[in-house]
């Protein structure tokens, strides 16, 4: 018989945010599938035009966003790996903490997309030592840095967080 004064320490798995973590896993899966496809389909740094403003290519990013610190000598791999690991754990717990709050749905989905993107790029860093990028948008000779599905998940997730912030502020103002 359980003591009435002692709280039940068992974890209720039904209370966990499985659907949101599944969104993260879908981002990771799509990211890894498309990176495998890109590595099998494209020659390194060679453009394969799709439209006048978009092409596929194969590039490796040893740095962070937009190749920040890419040529730093190798130490950055482990710093970015550690950082992505910590951020991923924080995001997973953050999602678990807020997922049942109906007012936090947009925030939860945004966090799930960011978590999926972080995990997708983390996997690359751990297994390859760099992140595989293959999508490039451009205008004439100006181009946006190459990115991948994980990066897109992070950007869309961040946009959802910003949208949620504006919606929350508007609700507070009213």
N, C-alpha and C. Protein backbone atom coordinates (compact mmCIF):
# COMPACT_ATOMS: atom_id res chain seq x y z
N UNK A 1 0.83 -1.18 0.00
CA UNK A 1 0.00 0.00 0.00
C UNK A 1 0.88 1.25 0.00
N UNK A 2 0.50 2.20 -0.80
CA UNK A 2 1.26 3.43 -0.94
C UNK A 2 0.89 4.42 0.16
N UNK A 3 1.90 5.07 0.69
CA UNK A 3 1.66 6.08 1.72
C UNK A 3 0.99 7.28 1.07
N UNK A 4 -0.09 7.75 1.67
CA UNK A 4 -0.87 8.86 1.10
C UNK A 4 -0.05 10.14 1.07
N UNK A 5 0.87 10.30 1.99
CA UNK A 5 1.66 11.53 2.05
C UNK A 5 2.78 11.56 1.01
N UNK A 6 3.13 10.41 0.47
CA UNK A 6 4.22 10.34 -0.50
C UNK A 6 3.67 10.47 -1.92
N UNK A 7 4.16 11.42 -2.69
CA UNK A 7 3.68 11.53 -4.07
C UNK A 7 4.14 10.34 -4.90
N UNK A 8 3.32 10.01 -5.89
CA UNK A 8 3.65 8.92 -6.80
C UNK A 8 4.74 9.42 -7.75
N UNK A 9 5.90 8.78 -7.75
CA UNK A 9 7.04 9.24 -8.54
C UNK A 9 7.11 8.60 -9.92
N UNK A 10 6.14 7.77 -10.25
CA UNK A 10 6.13 7.14 -11.57
C UNK A 10 5.81 8.18 -12.64
N UNK A 11 6.43 7.99 -13.77
CA UNK A 11 6.23 8.90 -14.89
C UNK A 11 5.00 8.49 -15.68
N UNK A 12 4.11 9.41 -15.93
CA UNK A 12 2.93 9.14 -16.75
C UNK A 12 3.29 9.41 -18.21
N UNK A 13 3.55 8.35 -18.96
CA UNK A 13 3.98 8.49 -20.35
C UNK A 13 2.90 9.11 -21.23
N UNK A 14 1.65 9.01 -20.83
CA UNK A 14 0.57 9.61 -21.62
C UNK A 14 0.63 11.13 -21.55
N UNK A 15 1.28 11.66 -20.54
CA UNK A 15 1.36 13.12 -20.37
C UNK A 15 2.51 13.74 -21.16
N UNK A 16 3.32 12.91 -21.78
CA UNK A 16 4.47 13.44 -22.52
C UNK A 16 4.05 13.93 -23.92
N UNK A 17 4.79 14.85 -24.47
CA UNK A 17 4.42 15.47 -25.76
C UNK A 17 4.87 14.64 -26.98
N UNK A 18 4.38 13.43 -27.07
CA UNK A 18 4.81 12.52 -28.14
C UNK A 18 4.61 13.12 -29.54
N UNK A 19 3.48 13.77 -29.77
CA UNK A 19 3.20 14.31 -31.10
C UNK A 19 4.22 15.39 -31.49
N UNK A 20 4.60 16.22 -30.54
CA UNK A 20 5.57 17.27 -30.84
C UNK A 20 6.97 16.68 -31.05
N UNK A 21 7.33 15.70 -30.23
CA UNK A 21 8.63 15.05 -30.46
C UNK A 21 8.61 14.31 -31.79
N UNK A 22 7.44 13.81 -32.21
CA UNK A 22 7.32 13.15 -33.51
C UNK A 22 7.56 14.17 -34.64
N UNK A 23 7.08 15.40 -34.46
CA UNK A 23 7.35 16.45 -35.44
C UNK A 23 8.86 16.65 -35.57
N UNK A 24 9.55 16.68 -34.45
CA UNK A 24 11.01 16.82 -34.48
C UNK A 24 11.65 15.66 -35.22
N UNK A 25 11.19 14.46 -34.96
CA UNK A 25 11.76 13.28 -35.63
C UNK A 25 11.49 13.27 -37.12
N UNK A 26 10.33 13.79 -37.54
CA UNK A 26 10.02 13.91 -38.97
C UNK A 26 11.00 14.88 -39.63
N UNK A 27 11.29 15.99 -38.96
CA UNK A 27 12.27 16.95 -39.50
C UNK A 27 13.63 16.26 -39.64
N UNK A 28 14.06 15.53 -38.61
CA UNK A 28 15.34 14.82 -38.67
C UNK A 28 15.35 13.82 -39.81
N UNK A 29 14.28 13.04 -39.94
CA UNK A 29 14.22 12.03 -41.01
C UNK A 29 14.26 12.66 -42.39
N UNK A 30 13.44 13.68 -42.62
CA UNK A 30 13.45 14.37 -43.92
C UNK A 30 14.82 14.98 -44.21
N UNK A 31 15.41 15.56 -43.18
CA UNK A 31 16.72 16.16 -43.33
C UNK A 31 17.75 15.12 -43.75
N UNK A 32 17.79 14.01 -43.05
CA UNK A 32 18.80 12.99 -43.35
C UNK A 32 18.56 12.32 -44.70
N UNK A 33 17.30 12.07 -45.04
CA UNK A 33 16.98 11.47 -46.35
C UNK A 33 17.41 12.40 -47.48
N UNK A 34 17.12 13.69 -47.34
CA UNK A 34 17.48 14.63 -48.41
C UNK A 34 18.99 14.83 -48.48
N UNK A 35 19.68 14.75 -47.36
CA UNK A 35 21.14 14.87 -47.39
C UNK A 35 21.78 13.65 -48.05
N UNK A 36 21.25 12.48 -47.80
CA UNK A 36 21.74 11.27 -48.49
C UNK A 36 21.51 11.41 -49.99
N UNK A 37 20.32 11.88 -50.36
CA UNK A 37 20.00 12.09 -51.77
C UNK A 37 20.97 13.11 -52.40
N UNK A 38 21.20 14.21 -51.70
CA UNK A 38 22.08 15.25 -52.24
C UNK A 38 23.50 14.73 -52.44
N UNK A 39 24.00 13.97 -51.48
CA UNK A 39 25.37 13.44 -51.60
C UNK A 39 25.49 12.42 -52.73
N UNK A 40 24.41 11.71 -53.00
CA UNK A 40 24.43 10.72 -54.08
C UNK A 40 24.18 11.35 -55.44
N UNK A 41 23.57 12.54 -55.47
CA UNK A 41 23.12 13.12 -56.73
C UNK A 41 23.98 14.26 -57.27
N UNK A 42 24.73 14.93 -56.43
CA UNK A 42 25.41 16.14 -56.85
C UNK A 42 26.91 16.06 -56.64
N UNK A 43 27.62 16.77 -57.49
CA UNK A 43 29.07 16.91 -57.37
C UNK A 43 29.35 18.09 -56.46
N UNK A 44 30.36 17.96 -55.61
CA UNK A 44 30.68 19.00 -54.66
C UNK A 44 30.85 20.36 -55.35
N UNK A 45 30.14 21.36 -54.85
CA UNK A 45 30.21 22.77 -55.27
C UNK A 45 29.74 23.02 -56.70
N UNK A 46 29.20 22.04 -57.37
CA UNK A 46 28.70 22.24 -58.73
C UNK A 46 27.20 22.54 -58.67
N UNK A 47 26.78 23.61 -59.34
CA UNK A 47 25.38 24.02 -59.33
C UNK A 47 24.55 23.17 -60.28
N UNK A 48 23.41 22.73 -59.81
CA UNK A 48 22.42 22.02 -60.63
C UNK A 48 21.15 22.86 -60.63
N UNK A 49 21.00 23.73 -61.64
CA UNK A 49 19.87 24.68 -61.65
C UNK A 49 18.51 23.98 -61.65
N UNK A 50 17.58 24.58 -60.91
CA UNK A 50 16.20 24.11 -60.86
C UNK A 50 15.30 25.20 -61.44
N UNK A 51 15.50 26.44 -61.04
CA UNK A 51 14.78 27.59 -61.57
C UNK A 51 15.81 28.71 -61.77
N UNK A 52 15.41 29.84 -62.34
CA UNK A 52 16.37 30.93 -62.50
C UNK A 52 16.89 31.52 -61.17
N UNK A 53 16.24 31.20 -60.06
CA UNK A 53 16.65 31.75 -58.76
C UNK A 53 16.98 30.68 -57.71
N UNK A 54 17.05 29.42 -58.12
CA UNK A 54 17.21 28.32 -57.16
C UNK A 54 18.00 27.19 -57.80
N UNK A 55 18.97 26.66 -57.05
CA UNK A 55 19.68 25.47 -57.53
C UNK A 55 20.09 24.57 -56.39
N UNK A 56 20.38 23.32 -56.74
CA UNK A 56 20.93 22.37 -55.79
C UNK A 56 22.43 22.30 -55.99
N UNK A 57 23.13 22.01 -54.94
CA UNK A 57 24.57 21.83 -54.99
C UNK A 57 24.94 20.93 -53.81
N UNK A 58 26.18 20.63 -53.65
CA UNK A 58 26.65 19.87 -52.49
C UNK A 58 27.76 20.68 -51.84
N UNK A 59 27.53 21.06 -50.59
CA UNK A 59 28.53 21.81 -49.84
C UNK A 59 28.62 21.26 -48.43
N UNK A 60 29.78 21.45 -47.82
CA UNK A 60 29.99 20.99 -46.46
C UNK A 60 30.30 22.19 -45.59
N UNK A 61 29.59 22.31 -44.49
CA UNK A 61 29.75 23.43 -43.58
C UNK A 61 30.36 22.92 -42.28
N UNK A 62 31.59 23.28 -42.02
CA UNK A 62 32.25 22.89 -40.77
C UNK A 62 32.02 23.89 -39.66
N UNK A 63 31.38 25.00 -39.99
CA UNK A 63 31.12 26.04 -39.00
C UNK A 63 29.68 26.01 -38.54
N UNK A 64 29.21 27.16 -38.10
CA UNK A 64 27.83 27.30 -37.64
C UNK A 64 27.03 27.96 -38.76
N UNK A 65 25.98 28.65 -38.41
CA UNK A 65 25.12 29.31 -39.39
C UNK A 65 25.94 30.17 -40.34
N UNK A 66 25.65 30.04 -41.62
CA UNK A 66 26.32 30.80 -42.67
C UNK A 66 27.83 30.60 -42.66
N UNK A 67 28.27 29.41 -42.27
CA UNK A 67 29.69 29.01 -42.24
C UNK A 67 30.53 29.81 -41.24
N UNK A 68 29.89 30.37 -40.24
CA UNK A 68 30.61 31.09 -39.19
C UNK A 68 31.64 30.16 -38.55
N UNK A 69 32.89 30.57 -38.50
CA UNK A 69 34.02 29.81 -37.94
C UNK A 69 34.33 28.53 -38.72
N UNK A 70 33.96 28.46 -39.98
CA UNK A 70 34.19 27.24 -40.76
C UNK A 70 35.67 26.91 -40.88
N UNK A 71 36.53 27.88 -40.96
CA UNK A 71 37.95 27.62 -41.13
C UNK A 71 38.74 27.76 -39.85
N UNK A 72 38.15 27.43 -38.73
CA UNK A 72 38.79 27.68 -37.44
C UNK A 72 39.74 26.57 -36.99
N UNK A 73 39.90 25.54 -37.77
CA UNK A 73 40.90 24.53 -37.44
C UNK A 73 40.38 23.24 -36.82
N UNK A 74 39.09 23.08 -36.65
CA UNK A 74 38.55 21.82 -36.16
C UNK A 74 37.96 21.84 -34.77
N UNK A 75 38.43 22.73 -33.91
CA UNK A 75 37.90 22.79 -32.55
C UNK A 75 36.42 23.14 -32.53
N UNK A 76 35.97 23.90 -33.54
CA UNK A 76 34.59 24.36 -33.58
C UNK A 76 33.60 23.20 -33.70
N UNK A 77 34.04 22.08 -34.31
CA UNK A 77 33.15 20.91 -34.43
C UNK A 77 32.65 20.49 -33.05
N UNK A 78 33.55 20.40 -32.10
CA UNK A 78 33.20 19.91 -30.77
C UNK A 78 32.44 20.96 -29.97
N UNK A 79 32.77 22.22 -30.17
CA UNK A 79 32.03 23.29 -29.49
C UNK A 79 30.59 23.33 -29.99
N UNK A 80 30.40 23.27 -31.31
CA UNK A 80 29.05 23.30 -31.87
C UNK A 80 28.29 22.02 -31.56
N UNK A 81 28.99 20.89 -31.46
CA UNK A 81 28.35 19.63 -31.07
C UNK A 81 27.85 19.72 -29.64
N UNK A 82 28.69 20.21 -28.74
CA UNK A 82 28.28 20.36 -27.34
C UNK A 82 27.13 21.35 -27.21
N UNK A 83 27.24 22.47 -27.91
CA UNK A 83 26.19 23.49 -27.86
C UNK A 83 24.86 22.93 -28.38
N UNK A 84 24.89 22.25 -29.51
CA UNK A 84 23.66 21.68 -30.08
C UNK A 84 23.08 20.62 -29.16
N UNK A 85 23.92 19.86 -28.49
CA UNK A 85 23.44 18.84 -27.55
C UNK A 85 22.71 19.48 -26.38
N UNK A 86 23.30 20.50 -25.80
CA UNK A 86 22.68 21.19 -24.66
C UNK A 86 21.38 21.86 -25.10
N UNK A 87 21.42 22.56 -26.22
CA UNK A 87 20.21 23.24 -26.72
C UNK A 87 19.10 22.22 -27.00
N UNK A 88 19.44 21.09 -27.57
CA UNK A 88 18.44 20.06 -27.87
C UNK A 88 17.78 19.54 -26.59
N UNK A 89 18.57 19.30 -25.56
CA UNK A 89 18.01 18.84 -24.28
C UNK A 89 17.09 19.91 -23.68
N UNK A 90 17.53 21.15 -23.72
CA UNK A 90 16.71 22.24 -23.19
C UNK A 90 15.39 22.33 -23.96
N UNK A 91 15.46 22.24 -25.29
CA UNK A 91 14.24 22.31 -26.10
C UNK A 91 13.30 21.15 -25.81
N UNK A 92 13.83 19.95 -25.69
CA UNK A 92 13.00 18.77 -25.40
C UNK A 92 12.26 18.93 -24.07
N UNK A 93 12.97 19.42 -23.05
CA UNK A 93 12.32 19.64 -21.75
C UNK A 93 11.35 20.81 -21.79
N UNK A 94 11.69 21.85 -22.54
CA UNK A 94 10.81 23.01 -22.68
C UNK A 94 9.49 22.56 -23.32
N UNK A 95 9.58 21.77 -24.38
CA UNK A 95 8.39 21.25 -25.04
C UNK A 95 7.56 20.42 -24.06
N UNK A 96 8.21 19.58 -23.28
CA UNK A 96 7.51 18.73 -22.32
C UNK A 96 6.79 19.57 -21.26
N UNK A 97 7.37 20.69 -20.95
CA UNK A 97 6.80 21.55 -19.90
C UNK A 97 5.58 22.34 -20.37
N UNK A 98 5.56 22.76 -21.63
CA UNK A 98 4.49 23.66 -22.08
C UNK A 98 3.47 23.02 -23.01
N UNK A 99 3.68 21.79 -23.43
CA UNK A 99 2.88 21.23 -24.52
C UNK A 99 1.39 21.13 -24.22
N UNK A 100 0.98 21.03 -22.98
CA UNK A 100 -0.45 20.89 -22.65
C UNK A 100 -1.16 22.23 -22.51
N UNK A 101 -0.43 23.31 -22.59
CA UNK A 101 -1.03 24.63 -22.46
C UNK A 101 -1.61 25.04 -23.81
N UNK A 102 -2.95 25.16 -23.92
CA UNK A 102 -3.56 25.50 -25.22
C UNK A 102 -3.07 26.82 -25.80
N UNK A 103 -2.66 27.74 -24.94
CA UNK A 103 -2.17 29.03 -25.41
C UNK A 103 -0.74 28.98 -25.93
N UNK A 104 -0.11 27.82 -25.83
CA UNK A 104 1.29 27.68 -26.21
C UNK A 104 1.48 26.75 -27.41
N UNK A 105 0.43 26.49 -28.16
CA UNK A 105 0.53 25.55 -29.29
C UNK A 105 1.52 26.02 -30.36
N UNK A 106 1.42 27.27 -30.74
CA UNK A 106 2.33 27.80 -31.76
C UNK A 106 3.77 27.75 -31.27
N UNK A 107 3.97 28.11 -30.03
CA UNK A 107 5.31 28.05 -29.44
C UNK A 107 5.82 26.60 -29.41
N UNK A 108 4.96 25.68 -29.04
CA UNK A 108 5.35 24.27 -28.97
C UNK A 108 5.76 23.73 -30.34
N UNK A 109 5.01 24.04 -31.37
CA UNK A 109 5.34 23.57 -32.71
C UNK A 109 6.64 24.22 -33.19
N UNK A 110 6.80 25.51 -32.91
CA UNK A 110 8.04 26.19 -33.27
C UNK A 110 9.25 25.55 -32.61
N UNK A 111 9.12 25.24 -31.33
CA UNK A 111 10.21 24.59 -30.61
C UNK A 111 10.49 23.20 -31.16
N UNK A 112 9.44 22.47 -31.53
CA UNK A 112 9.62 21.13 -32.10
C UNK A 112 10.38 21.19 -33.42
N UNK A 113 10.06 22.17 -34.26
CA UNK A 113 10.78 22.33 -35.53
C UNK A 113 12.24 22.69 -35.30
N UNK A 114 12.49 23.58 -34.35
CA UNK A 114 13.88 23.95 -34.03
C UNK A 114 14.63 22.75 -33.48
N UNK A 115 13.98 21.97 -32.61
CA UNK A 115 14.62 20.77 -32.06
C UNK A 115 14.97 19.79 -33.17
N UNK A 116 14.07 19.56 -34.10
CA UNK A 116 14.35 18.66 -35.21
C UNK A 116 15.52 19.14 -36.05
N UNK A 117 15.57 20.44 -36.33
CA UNK A 117 16.68 20.99 -37.10
C UNK A 117 18.00 20.87 -36.36
N UNK A 118 17.97 21.16 -35.07
CA UNK A 118 19.20 21.06 -34.27
C UNK A 118 19.71 19.62 -34.25
N UNK A 119 18.79 18.66 -34.09
CA UNK A 119 19.19 17.25 -34.05
C UNK A 119 19.71 16.77 -35.41
N UNK A 120 19.09 17.23 -36.49
CA UNK A 120 19.54 16.85 -37.83
C UNK A 120 20.97 17.30 -38.10
N UNK A 121 21.27 18.54 -37.77
CA UNK A 121 22.63 19.05 -37.98
C UNK A 121 23.61 18.46 -36.96
N UNK A 122 23.13 18.19 -35.74
CA UNK A 122 23.98 17.55 -34.74
C UNK A 122 24.41 16.16 -35.21
N UNK A 123 23.49 15.42 -35.80
CA UNK A 123 23.83 14.09 -36.32
C UNK A 123 24.95 14.19 -37.36
N UNK A 124 24.85 15.17 -38.25
CA UNK A 124 25.90 15.36 -39.26
C UNK A 124 27.25 15.65 -38.61
N UNK A 125 27.25 16.55 -37.64
CA UNK A 125 28.52 16.91 -36.98
C UNK A 125 29.15 15.70 -36.30
N UNK A 126 28.31 14.88 -35.65
CA UNK A 126 28.83 13.71 -34.96
C UNK A 126 29.34 12.64 -35.91
N UNK A 127 28.63 12.41 -37.01
CA UNK A 127 28.99 11.31 -37.91
C UNK A 127 29.93 11.72 -39.05
N UNK A 128 29.83 12.96 -39.50
CA UNK A 128 30.62 13.40 -40.66
C UNK A 128 31.69 14.44 -40.32
N UNK A 129 31.49 15.15 -39.23
CA UNK A 129 32.41 16.23 -38.88
C UNK A 129 32.05 17.55 -39.52
N UNK A 130 30.98 17.57 -40.30
CA UNK A 130 30.50 18.79 -40.95
C UNK A 130 29.01 18.61 -41.24
N UNK A 131 28.35 19.69 -41.61
CA UNK A 131 26.94 19.65 -41.97
C UNK A 131 26.84 19.69 -43.50
N UNK A 132 25.98 18.84 -44.03
CA UNK A 132 25.74 18.79 -45.48
C UNK A 132 24.68 19.83 -45.84
N UNK A 133 25.02 20.73 -46.74
CA UNK A 133 24.08 21.73 -47.25
C UNK A 133 23.93 21.51 -48.75
N UNK A 134 22.74 21.83 -49.28
CA UNK A 134 22.55 21.57 -50.72
C UNK A 134 21.52 22.46 -51.39
N UNK A 135 20.86 23.34 -50.68
CA UNK A 135 19.83 24.21 -51.26
C UNK A 135 20.37 25.63 -51.33
N UNK A 136 20.26 26.26 -52.51
CA UNK A 136 20.75 27.64 -52.66
C UNK A 136 19.73 28.46 -53.45
N UNK A 137 19.36 29.61 -52.88
CA UNK A 137 18.58 30.60 -53.59
C UNK A 137 19.52 31.73 -53.98
N UNK A 138 19.28 32.32 -55.16
CA UNK A 138 20.17 33.38 -55.63
C UNK A 138 19.42 34.36 -56.52
N UNK A 139 20.04 35.51 -56.68
CA UNK A 139 19.58 36.51 -57.63
C UNK A 139 20.82 37.02 -58.36
N UNK A 140 20.87 36.76 -59.66
CA UNK A 140 22.04 37.06 -60.48
C UNK A 140 23.29 36.48 -59.80
N UNK A 141 24.27 37.32 -59.45
CA UNK A 141 25.49 36.79 -58.84
C UNK A 141 25.42 36.75 -57.31
N UNK A 142 24.33 37.22 -56.73
CA UNK A 142 24.17 37.24 -55.28
C UNK A 142 23.43 35.98 -54.83
N UNK A 143 23.98 35.30 -53.86
CA UNK A 143 23.29 34.10 -53.39
C UNK A 143 23.21 34.04 -51.87
N UNK A 144 22.12 33.43 -51.42
CA UNK A 144 21.94 33.15 -50.01
C UNK A 144 22.83 31.96 -49.68
N UNK A 145 23.40 31.89 -48.49
CA UNK A 145 24.24 30.73 -48.15
C UNK A 145 23.47 29.41 -48.30
N UNK A 146 24.17 28.37 -48.70
CA UNK A 146 23.55 27.05 -48.87
C UNK A 146 22.99 26.58 -47.53
N UNK A 147 21.87 25.87 -47.60
CA UNK A 147 21.24 25.36 -46.38
C UNK A 147 20.63 24.00 -46.65
N UNK A 148 19.94 23.45 -45.66
CA UNK A 148 19.36 22.13 -45.76
C UNK A 148 17.99 22.12 -45.07
N UNK A 149 17.36 20.96 -45.00
CA UNK A 149 16.03 20.86 -44.38
C UNK A 149 16.09 21.16 -42.89
N UNK A 150 17.16 20.74 -42.21
CA UNK A 150 17.31 21.06 -40.78
C UNK A 150 17.33 22.57 -40.58
N UNK A 151 18.09 23.27 -41.41
CA UNK A 151 18.16 24.73 -41.32
C UNK A 151 16.79 25.35 -41.59
N UNK A 152 16.05 24.79 -42.56
CA UNK A 152 14.71 25.29 -42.85
C UNK A 152 13.80 25.08 -41.65
N UNK A 153 13.90 23.92 -40.99
CA UNK A 153 13.11 23.67 -39.78
C UNK A 153 13.40 24.68 -38.70
N UNK A 154 14.68 24.98 -38.51
CA UNK A 154 15.08 25.96 -37.51
C UNK A 154 14.51 27.34 -37.86
N UNK A 155 14.60 27.74 -39.11
CA UNK A 155 14.10 29.06 -39.53
C UNK A 155 12.58 29.16 -39.41
N UNK A 156 11.86 28.13 -39.86
CA UNK A 156 10.39 28.15 -39.75
C UNK A 156 9.99 28.13 -38.27
N UNK A 157 10.68 27.32 -37.47
CA UNK A 157 10.40 27.29 -36.04
C UNK A 157 10.63 28.64 -35.38
N UNK A 158 11.72 29.30 -35.73
CA UNK A 158 12.00 30.63 -35.18
C UNK A 158 10.94 31.63 -35.62
N UNK A 159 10.49 31.54 -36.87
CA UNK A 159 9.43 32.43 -37.36
C UNK A 159 8.14 32.19 -36.58
N UNK A 160 7.82 30.93 -36.27
CA UNK A 160 6.63 30.64 -35.47
C UNK A 160 6.75 31.21 -34.05
N UNK A 161 7.95 31.14 -33.48
CA UNK A 161 8.16 31.73 -32.15
C UNK A 161 7.97 33.24 -32.18
N UNK A 162 8.46 33.88 -33.23
CA UNK A 162 8.29 35.34 -33.36
C UNK A 162 6.82 35.67 -33.54
N UNK A 163 6.12 34.91 -34.39
CA UNK A 163 4.68 35.12 -34.59
C UNK A 163 3.94 34.93 -33.28
N UNK A 164 4.28 33.88 -32.53
CA UNK A 164 3.65 33.64 -31.23
C UNK A 164 3.90 34.80 -30.27
N UNK A 165 5.11 35.34 -30.31
CA UNK A 165 5.44 36.46 -29.44
C UNK A 165 4.55 37.67 -29.76
N UNK A 166 4.37 37.95 -31.06
CA UNK A 166 3.52 39.07 -31.45
C UNK A 166 2.06 38.82 -31.08
N UNK A 167 1.59 37.59 -31.28
CA UNK A 167 0.22 37.25 -30.93
C UNK A 167 0.00 37.37 -29.42
N UNK A 168 0.97 36.90 -28.65
CA UNK A 168 0.86 36.99 -27.19
C UNK A 168 0.84 38.43 -26.73
N UNK A 169 1.69 39.25 -27.33
CA UNK A 169 1.75 40.67 -26.97
C UNK A 169 0.44 41.35 -27.33
N UNK A 170 -0.12 41.03 -28.49
CA UNK A 170 -1.39 41.63 -28.90
C UNK A 170 -2.50 41.22 -27.94
N UNK A 171 -2.51 39.96 -27.52
CA UNK A 171 -3.53 39.49 -26.57
C UNK A 171 -3.39 40.21 -25.21
N UNK A 172 -2.15 40.43 -24.79
CA UNK A 172 -1.92 41.14 -23.51
C UNK A 172 -2.37 42.60 -23.62
N UNK A 173 -2.13 43.19 -24.79
CA UNK A 173 -2.52 44.60 -24.98
C UNK A 173 -4.03 44.78 -24.99
N UNK A 174 -4.74 43.75 -25.47
CA UNK A 174 -6.22 43.85 -25.54
C UNK A 174 -6.75 43.52 -24.21
